[in-house]
């Protein structure tokens, strides 16, 4: 698969597309470009409007003529970009994996899915962390994230699960329960690798961790 653009590149791509909107001035675009850069580098809360103004080459007062607060800048970029860019960016490889590998055993599909998602997180670690942090604090971003990324992933996954149940490869369990188990195991991999217990996780390679997780997911832990 071709290497996808970084999340920051996608945000900037979105800002550039705003040139088609006549009400968007060049100063506003400069403010948004500067905000994307600083939010990605330092995080939303650690970035001040004075730093954004300096990076954008405008007076700080100019920011407040266009945006009521720093949060408005965040929502001007991040919430719309979830619909316009982040969802396709995050789900593109998932669609390809489900489509190209649908005939393969479920274990192979899940293995490739976990491998791909880990690579995505590692390549865009700070941007994804910022996105999740802001989703926790801002309802608008959380709702956009759920409405786009989560719901689309759920629909795709449940269709694949139902097909595997019909083919006799998986037990006839509710597809939403199987999806929840697959997603939970994937999130566990990411959390332990990136946040909770990096040192212990590193005693095995990513491939080994993925293989053990898929084995436990499909075969359980009972002897």
C-alpha atoms as a PDB file:
ATOM      1  CA  UNK A   1       0.000   0.000   0.000  1.00  0.00           C
ATOM      2  CA  UNK A   2       1.145   3.515  -0.702  1.00  0.00           C
ATOM      3  CA  UNK A   3       2.261   5.460   2.340  1.00  0.00           C
ATOM      4  CA  UNK A   4      -0.595   7.778   3.357  1.00  0.00           C
ATOM      5  CA  UNK A   5       0.043  11.464   4.032  1.00  0.00           C
ATOM      6  CA  UNK A   6       0.598  12.423   7.649  1.00  0.00           C
ATOM      7  CA  UNK A   7      -2.306  13.803   9.638  1.00  0.00           C
ATOM      8  CA  UNK A   8      -0.651  17.228   9.707  1.00  0.00           C
ATOM      9  CA  UNK A   9      -0.323  17.155   5.908  1.00  0.00           C
ATOM     10  CA  UNK A  10      -4.021  16.377   5.712  1.00  0.00           C
ATOM     11  CA  UNK A  11      -4.918  19.298   7.947  1.00  0.00           C
ATOM     12  CA  UNK A  12      -2.823  21.626   5.821  1.00  0.00           C
ATOM     13  CA  UNK A  13      -4.406  20.174   2.692  1.00  0.00           C
ATOM     14  CA  UNK A  14      -7.798  21.034   4.155  1.00  0.00           C
ATOM     15  CA  UNK A  15      -6.690  24.601   4.895  1.00  0.00           C
ATOM     16  CA  UNK A  16      -5.483  25.014   1.311  1.00  0.00           C
ATOM     17  CA  UNK A  17      -8.843  23.775  -0.012  1.00  0.00           C
ATOM     18  CA  UNK A  18     -10.485  26.616   1.899  1.00  0.00           C
ATOM     19  CA  UNK A  19      -9.041  28.941  -0.761  1.00  0.00           C
ATOM     20  CA  UNK A  20     -12.120  28.089  -2.800  1.00  0.00           C
ATOM     21  CA  UNK A  21     -14.306  29.790  -0.220  1.00  0.00           C
ATOM     22  CA  UNK A  22     -14.532  33.495  -1.008  1.00  0.00           C
ATOM     23  CA  UNK A  23     -15.155  34.502   2.620  1.00  0.00           C
ATOM     24  CA  UNK A  24     -11.814  33.009   3.726  1.00  0.00           C
ATOM     25  CA  UNK A  25      -9.161  35.739   3.704  1.00  0.00           C
ATOM     26  CA  UNK A  26      -5.431  35.138   3.346  1.00  0.00           C
ATOM     27  CA  UNK A  27      -4.911  36.236   6.959  1.00  0.00           C
ATOM     28  CA  UNK A  28      -7.425  33.654   8.130  1.00  0.00           C
ATOM     29  CA  UNK A  29      -5.652  30.936   6.145  1.00  0.00           C
ATOM     30  CA  UNK A  30      -2.319  32.015   7.642  1.00  0.00           C
ATOM     31  CA  UNK A  31      -3.839  31.798  11.121  1.00  0.00           C
ATOM     32  CA  UNK A  32      -5.162  28.309  10.412  1.00  0.00           C
ATOM     33  CA  UNK A  33      -1.826  27.153   8.932  1.00  0.00           C
ATOM     34  CA  UNK A  34       0.017  28.459  11.976  1.00  0.00           C
ATOM     35  CA  UNK A  35      -2.512  26.842  14.298  1.00  0.00           C
ATOM     36  CA  UNK A  36      -2.144  23.451  12.606  1.00  0.00           C
ATOM     37  CA  UNK A  37       1.627  23.635  12.957  1.00  0.00           C
ATOM     38  CA  UNK A  38       1.600  24.667  16.619  1.00  0.00           C
ATOM     39  CA  UNK A  39      -1.226  22.332  17.661  1.00  0.00           C
ATOM     40  CA  UNK A  40       0.710  19.455  16.075  1.00  0.00           C
ATOM     41  CA  UNK A  41       4.007  20.443  17.696  1.00  0.00           C
ATOM     42  CA  UNK A  42       2.859  21.519  21.161  1.00  0.00           C
ATOM     43  CA  UNK A  43      -0.754  20.526  21.574  1.00  0.00           C
ATOM     44  CA  UNK A  44      -3.815  22.744  21.759  1.00  0.00           C
ATOM     45  CA  UNK A  45      -3.538  23.796  25.415  1.00  0.00           C
ATOM     46  CA  UNK A  46       0.197  24.564  25.237  1.00  0.00           C
ATOM     47  CA  UNK A  47      -0.188  26.804  22.172  1.00  0.00           C
ATOM     48  CA  UNK A  48      -0.985  30.454  22.906  1.00  0.00           C
ATOM     49  CA  UNK A  49      -2.747  32.900  20.617  1.00  0.00           C
ATOM     50  CA  UNK A  50       0.355  35.128  20.754  1.00  0.00           C
ATOM     51  CA  UNK A  51       2.445  32.243  19.380  1.00  0.00           C
ATOM     52  CA  UNK A  52      -0.143  31.587  16.679  1.00  0.00           C
ATOM     53  CA  UNK A  53      -0.127  35.268  15.723  1.00  0.00           C
ATOM     54  CA  UNK A  54       3.676  35.331  15.531  1.00  0.00           C
ATOM     55  CA  UNK A  55       3.777  32.178  13.400  1.00  0.00           C
ATOM     56  CA  UNK A  56       1.030  33.553  11.124  1.00  0.00           C
ATOM     57  CA  UNK A  57       2.703  36.955  10.776  1.00  0.00           C
ATOM     58  CA  UNK A  58      -0.307  38.870  12.077  1.00  0.00           C
ATOM     59  CA  UNK A  59      -1.118  40.913  15.164  1.00  0.00           C
ATOM     60  CA  UNK A  60      -2.733  38.974  18.007  1.00  0.00           C
ATOM     61  CA  UNK A  61      -5.773  41.241  17.769  1.00  0.00           C
ATOM     62  CA  UNK A  62      -6.269  40.060  14.182  1.00  0.00           C
ATOM     63  CA  UNK A  63      -6.934  36.547  15.462  1.00  0.00           C
ATOM     64  CA  UNK A  64      -9.769  37.748  17.654  1.00  0.00           C
ATOM     65  CA  UNK A  65     -11.314  39.714  14.782  1.00  0.00           C
ATOM     66  CA  UNK A  66     -11.756  36.406  12.938  1.00  0.00           C
ATOM     67  CA  UNK A  67     -12.137  33.921  15.796  1.00  0.00           C
ATOM     68  CA  UNK A  68     -13.706  34.517  19.215  1.00  0.00           C
ATOM     69  CA  UNK A  69     -11.306  32.156  20.980  1.00  0.00           C
ATOM     70  CA  UNK A  70      -8.526  29.635  20.483  1.00  0.00           C
ATOM     71  CA  UNK A  71     -11.169  26.922  20.662  1.00  0.00           C
ATOM     72  CA  UNK A  72     -12.904  28.450  17.643  1.00  0.00           C
ATOM     73  CA  UNK A  73      -9.661  28.059  15.694  1.00  0.00           C
ATOM     74  CA  UNK A  74      -9.462  24.429  16.744  1.00  0.00           C
ATOM     75  CA  UNK A  75     -13.044  23.763  15.703  1.00  0.00           C
ATOM     76  CA  UNK A  76     -12.565  25.654  12.438  1.00  0.00           C
ATOM     77  CA  UNK A  77      -9.948  23.097  11.429  1.00  0.00           C
ATOM     78  CA  UNK A  78     -10.257  19.888  13.401  1.00  0.00           C
ATOM     79  CA  UNK A  79     -14.007  19.208  13.466  1.00  0.00           C
ATOM     80  CA  UNK A  80     -14.530  19.774   9.707  1.00  0.00           C
ATOM     81  CA  UNK A  81     -11.332  17.916   8.835  1.00  0.00           C
ATOM     82  CA  UNK A  82     -12.643  14.795  10.567  1.00  0.00           C
ATOM     83  CA  UNK A  83     -15.409  14.670   7.995  1.00  0.00           C
ATOM     84  CA  UNK A  84     -13.408  15.917   5.020  1.00  0.00           C
ATOM     85  CA  UNK A  85     -10.024  14.288   5.596  1.00  0.00           C
ATOM     86  CA  UNK A  86      -9.430  12.343   8.797  1.00  0.00           C
ATOM     87  CA  UNK A  87     -12.151   9.751   8.258  1.00  0.00           C
ATOM     88  CA  UNK A  88     -10.963   8.799   4.737  1.00  0.00           C
ATOM     89  CA  UNK A  89      -7.345   9.014   5.955  1.00  0.00           C
ATOM     90  CA  UNK A  90      -7.936   6.723   8.916  1.00  0.00           C
ATOM     91  CA  UNK A  91     -10.287   4.324   7.108  1.00  0.00           C
ATOM     92  CA  UNK A  92      -8.639   4.120   3.663  1.00  0.00           C
ATOM     93  CA  UNK A  93      -6.367   1.191   4.477  1.00  0.00           C
ATOM     94  CA  UNK A  94      -9.131  -0.514   6.463  1.00  0.00           C
ATOM     95  CA  UNK A  95     -11.371  -0.493   3.386  1.00  0.00           C
ATOM     96  CA  UNK A  96      -8.549  -1.922   1.265  1.00  0.00           C
ATOM     97  CA  UNK A  97      -7.739  -4.628   3.819  1.00  0.00           C
ATOM     98  CA  UNK A  98     -11.367  -5.749   4.063  1.00  0.00           C
ATOM     99  CA  UNK A  99     -11.841  -5.641   0.298  1.00  0.00           C
ATOM    100  CA  UNK A 100      -8.539  -7.176  -0.849  1.00  0.00           C
ATOM    101  CA  UNK A 101      -8.311  -9.827   1.860  1.00  0.00           C
ATOM    102  CA  UNK A 102     -11.963 -10.717   2.342  1.00  0.00           C
ATOM    103  CA  UNK A 103     -11.357 -14.247   1.024  1.00  0.00           C
ATOM    104  CA  UNK A 104      -8.492 -14.887   3.435  1.00  0.00           C
ATOM    105  CA  UNK A 105      -8.962 -16.499   6.859  1.00  0.00           C
ATOM    106  CA  UNK A 106     -10.297 -14.117   9.493  1.00  0.00           C
ATOM    107  CA  UNK A 107      -7.087 -14.453  11.538  1.00  0.00           C
ATOM    108  CA  UNK A 108      -5.011 -13.168   8.603  1.00  0.00           C
ATOM    109  CA  UNK A 109      -7.357 -10.235   8.043  1.00  0.00           C
ATOM    110  CA  UNK A 110      -7.241  -9.213  11.705  1.00  0.00           C
ATOM    111  CA  UNK A 111      -3.453  -9.629  11.764  1.00  0.00           C
ATOM    112  CA  UNK A 112      -3.053  -7.290   8.785  1.00  0.00           C
ATOM    113  CA  UNK A 113      -5.551  -4.857  10.293  1.00  0.00           C
ATOM    114  CA  UNK A 114      -3.672  -4.698  13.619  1.00  0.00           C
ATOM    115  CA  UNK A 115      -0.315  -4.342  11.863  1.00  0.00           C
ATOM    116  CA  UNK A 116      -1.644  -1.499   9.723  1.00  0.00           C
ATOM    117  CA  UNK A 117      -3.264   0.336  12.648  1.00  0.00           C
ATOM    118  CA  UNK A 118      -0.091   0.128  14.755  1.00  0.00           C
ATOM    119  CA  UNK A 119       1.906   1.555  11.855  1.00  0.00           C
ATOM    120  CA  UNK A 120      -0.613   4.388  11.485  1.00  0.00           C
ATOM    121  CA  UNK A 121      -0.387   5.276  15.170  1.00  0.00           C
ATOM    122  CA  UNK A 122       3.419   5.156  15.234  1.00  0.00           C
ATOM    123  CA  UNK A 123       3.712   7.323  12.100  1.00  0.00           C
ATOM    124  CA  UNK A 124       1.245   9.935  13.386  1.00  0.00           C
ATOM    125  CA  UNK A 125       1.635   9.525  17.128  1.00  0.00           C
ATOM    126  CA  UNK A 126       1.573  13.134  18.309  1.00  0.00           C
ATOM    127  CA  UNK A 127      -1.210  14.167  15.946  1.00  0.00           C
ATOM    128  CA  UNK A 128      -3.455  11.272  16.925  1.00  0.00           C
ATOM    129  CA  UNK A 129      -2.760  11.942  20.608  1.00  0.00           C
ATOM    130  CA  UNK A 130      -3.813  15.564  20.158  1.00  0.00           C
ATOM    131  CA  UNK A 131      -6.921  14.505  18.252  1.00  0.00           C
ATOM    132  CA  UNK A 132      -7.972  12.093  21.007  1.00  0.00           C
ATOM    133  CA  UNK A 133      -7.184  14.590  23.754  1.00  0.00           C
ATOM    134  CA  UNK A 134      -9.329  17.246  22.122  1.00  0.00           C
ATOM    135  CA  UNK A 135     -12.103  14.732  21.468  1.00  0.00           C
ATOM    136  CA  UNK A 136     -12.162  14.108  25.225  1.00  0.00           C
ATOM    137  CA  UNK A 137     -12.524  17.816  26.056  1.00  0.00           C
ATOM    138  CA  UNK A 138     -14.671  19.040  23.144  1.00  0.00           C
ATOM    139  CA  UNK A 139     -18.086  17.549  22.385  1.00  0.00           C
ATOM    140  CA  UNK A 140     -18.038  18.819  18.803  1.00  0.00           C
ATOM    141  CA  UNK A 141     -14.855  16.927  17.956  1.00  0.00           C
ATOM    142  CA  UNK A 142     -15.888  13.767  19.804  1.00  0.00           C
ATOM    143  CA  UNK A 143     -19.255  13.689  18.020  1.00  0.00           C
ATOM    144  CA  UNK A 144     -17.612  14.206  14.621  1.00  0.00           C
ATOM    145  CA  UNK A 145     -15.115  11.434  15.382  1.00  0.00           C
ATOM    146  CA  UNK A 146     -17.865   8.995  16.375  1.00  0.00           C
ATOM    147  CA  UNK A 147     -20.128   9.936  13.476  1.00  0.00           C
ATOM    148  CA  UNK A 148     -17.411   9.439  10.864  1.00  0.00           C
ATOM    149  CA  UNK A 149     -14.550   7.131  11.821  1.00  0.00           C
ATOM    150  CA  UNK A 150     -16.262   4.857  14.354  1.00  0.00           C
ATOM    151  CA  UNK A 151     -19.591   4.357  12.593  1.00  0.00           C
ATOM    152  CA  UNK A 152     -18.001   3.656   9.194  1.00  0.00           C
ATOM    153  CA  UNK A 153     -15.531   1.187  10.727  1.00  0.00           C
ATOM    154  CA  UNK A 154     -18.345  -0.549  12.602  1.00  0.00           C
ATOM    155  CA  UNK A 155     -20.436  -1.027   9.451  1.00  0.00           C
ATOM    156  CA  UNK A 156     -17.497  -2.397   7.439  1.00  0.00           C
ATOM    157  CA  UNK A 157     -16.376  -4.738  10.206  1.00  0.00           C
ATOM    158  CA  UNK A 158     -19.824  -6.119  10.924  1.00  0.00           C
ATOM    159  CA  UNK A 159     -20.399  -6.933   7.243  1.00  0.00           C
ATOM    160  CA  UNK A 160     -17.133  -8.888   7.154  1.00  0.00           C
ATOM    161  CA  UNK A 161     -17.945 -10.664  10.442  1.00  0.00           C
ATOM    162  CA  UNK A 162     -21.409 -11.658   9.205  1.00  0.00           C
ATOM    163  CA  UNK A 163     -19.886 -13.037   5.995  1.00  0.00           C
ATOM    164  CA  UNK A 164     -17.402 -15.109   8.006  1.00  0.00           C
ATOM    165  CA  UNK A 165     -20.210 -16.409  10.240  1.00  0.00           C
ATOM    166  CA  UNK A 166     -22.255 -17.384   7.164  1.00  0.00           C
ATOM    167  CA  UNK A 167     -19.193 -19.179   5.760  1.00  0.00           C
ATOM    168  CA  UNK A 168     -18.880 -21.166   8.987  1.00  0.00           C
ATOM    169  CA  UNK A 169     -15.478 -19.708   9.905  1.00  0.00           C
ATOM    170  CA  UNK A 170     -16.724 -17.866  12.996  1.00  0.00           C
ATOM    171  CA  UNK A 171     -19.175 -18.903  15.679  1.00  0.00           C
ATOM    172  CA  UNK A 172     -22.712 -17.509  15.219  1.00  0.00           C
ATOM    173  CA  UNK A 173     -22.273 -14.711  17.740  1.00  0.00           C
ATOM    174  CA  UNK A 174     -23.818 -11.235  17.381  1.00  0.00           C
ATOM    175  CA  UNK A 175     -21.635  -9.245  14.986  1.00  0.00           C
ATOM    176  CA  UNK A 176     -21.599  -6.231  17.314  1.00  0.00           C
ATOM    177  CA  UNK A 177     -20.114  -8.371  20.104  1.00  0.00           C
ATOM    178  CA  UNK A 178     -17.394  -9.732  17.817  1.00  0.00           C
ATOM    179  CA  UNK A 179     -16.631  -6.223  16.531  1.00  0.00           C
ATOM    180  CA  UNK A 180     -16.351  -4.981  20.111  1.00  0.00           C
ATOM    181  CA  UNK A 181     -13.882  -7.759  20.968  1.00  0.00           C
ATOM    182  CA  UNK A 182     -11.747  -7.108  17.864  1.00  0.00           C
ATOM    183  CA  UNK A 183     -11.707  -3.346  18.480  1.00  0.00           C
ATOM    184  CA  UNK A 184     -10.971  -3.724  22.194  1.00  0.00           C
ATOM    185  CA  UNK A 185      -8.004  -5.999  21.504  1.00  0.00           C
ATOM    186  CA  UNK A 186      -6.645  -3.524  18.954  1.00  0.00           C
ATOM    187  CA  UNK A 187      -6.999  -0.582  21.334  1.00  0.00           C
ATOM    188  CA  UNK A 188      -5.273  -2.644  24.019  1.00  0.00           C
ATOM    189  CA  UNK A 189      -2.299  -3.217  21.733  1.00  0.00           C
ATOM    190  CA  UNK A 190      -1.994   0.504  21.021  1.00  0.00           C
ATOM    191  CA  UNK A 191      -2.428   1.590  24.633  1.00  0.00           C
ATOM    192  CA  UNK A 192       0.127  -0.835  26.030  1.00  0.00           C
ATOM    193  CA  UNK A 193       2.604  -0.077  23.240  1.00  0.00           C
ATOM    194  CA  UNK A 194       2.314   3.690  23.408  1.00  0.00           C
ATOM    195  CA  UNK A 195       1.189   4.578  26.925  1.00  0.00           C
ATOM    196  CA  UNK A 196       0.606   2.028  29.672  1.00  0.00           C
ATOM    197  CA  UNK A 197       3.554  -0.376  29.754  1.00  0.00           C
ATOM    198  CA  UNK A 198       6.021   0.305  26.962  1.00  0.00           C
ATOM    199  CA  UNK A 199       8.925  -1.548  28.588  1.00  0.00           C
ATOM    200  CA  UNK A 200       7.004  -4.755  29.210  1.00  0.00           C
ATOM    201  CA  UNK A 201       5.414  -4.571  25.753  1.00  0.00           C
ATOM    202  CA  UNK A 202       8.873  -4.276  24.175  1.00  0.00           C
ATOM    203  CA  UNK A 203       9.918  -7.723  25.462  1.00  0.00           C
ATOM    204  CA  UNK A 204       8.222  -8.991  22.301  1.00  0.00           C
ATOM    205  CA  UNK A 205       8.241  -7.513  18.794  1.00  0.00           C
ATOM    206  CA  UNK A 206       5.139  -5.906  17.306  1.00  0.00           C
ATOM    207  CA  UNK A 207       4.639  -8.984  15.115  1.00  0.00           C
ATOM    208  CA  UNK A 208       4.806 -11.289  18.121  1.00  0.00           C
ATOM    209  CA  UNK A 209       2.438  -9.108  20.119  1.00  0.00           C
ATOM    210  CA  UNK A 210      -0.025  -9.034  17.225  1.00  0.00           C
ATOM    211  CA  UNK A 211       0.198 -12.805  16.751  1.00  0.00           C
ATOM    212  CA  UNK A 212      -0.447 -13.469  20.465  1.00  0.00           C
ATOM    213  CA  UNK A 213      -3.355 -11.014  20.515  1.00  0.00           C
ATOM    214  CA  UNK A 214      -5.007 -12.595  17.468  1.00  0.00           C
ATOM    215  CA  UNK A 215      -4.454 -16.078  18.918  1.00  0.00           C
ATOM    216  CA  UNK A 216      -6.096 -15.095  22.215  1.00  0.00           C
ATOM    217  CA  UNK A 217      -8.906 -13.304  20.379  1.00  0.00           C
ATOM    218  CA  UNK A 218      -9.775 -16.358  18.269  1.00  0.00           C
ATOM    219  CA  UNK A 219      -8.875 -19.198  20.629  1.00  0.00           C
ATOM    220  CA  UNK A 220      -9.322 -17.751  24.106  1.00  0.00           C
ATOM    221  CA  UNK A 221      -7.102 -18.265  27.134  1.00  0.00           C
ATOM    222  CA  UNK A 222      -8.585 -21.486  28.502  1.00  0.00           C
ATOM    223  CA  UNK A 223      -6.371 -24.573  28.158  1.00  0.00           C
END
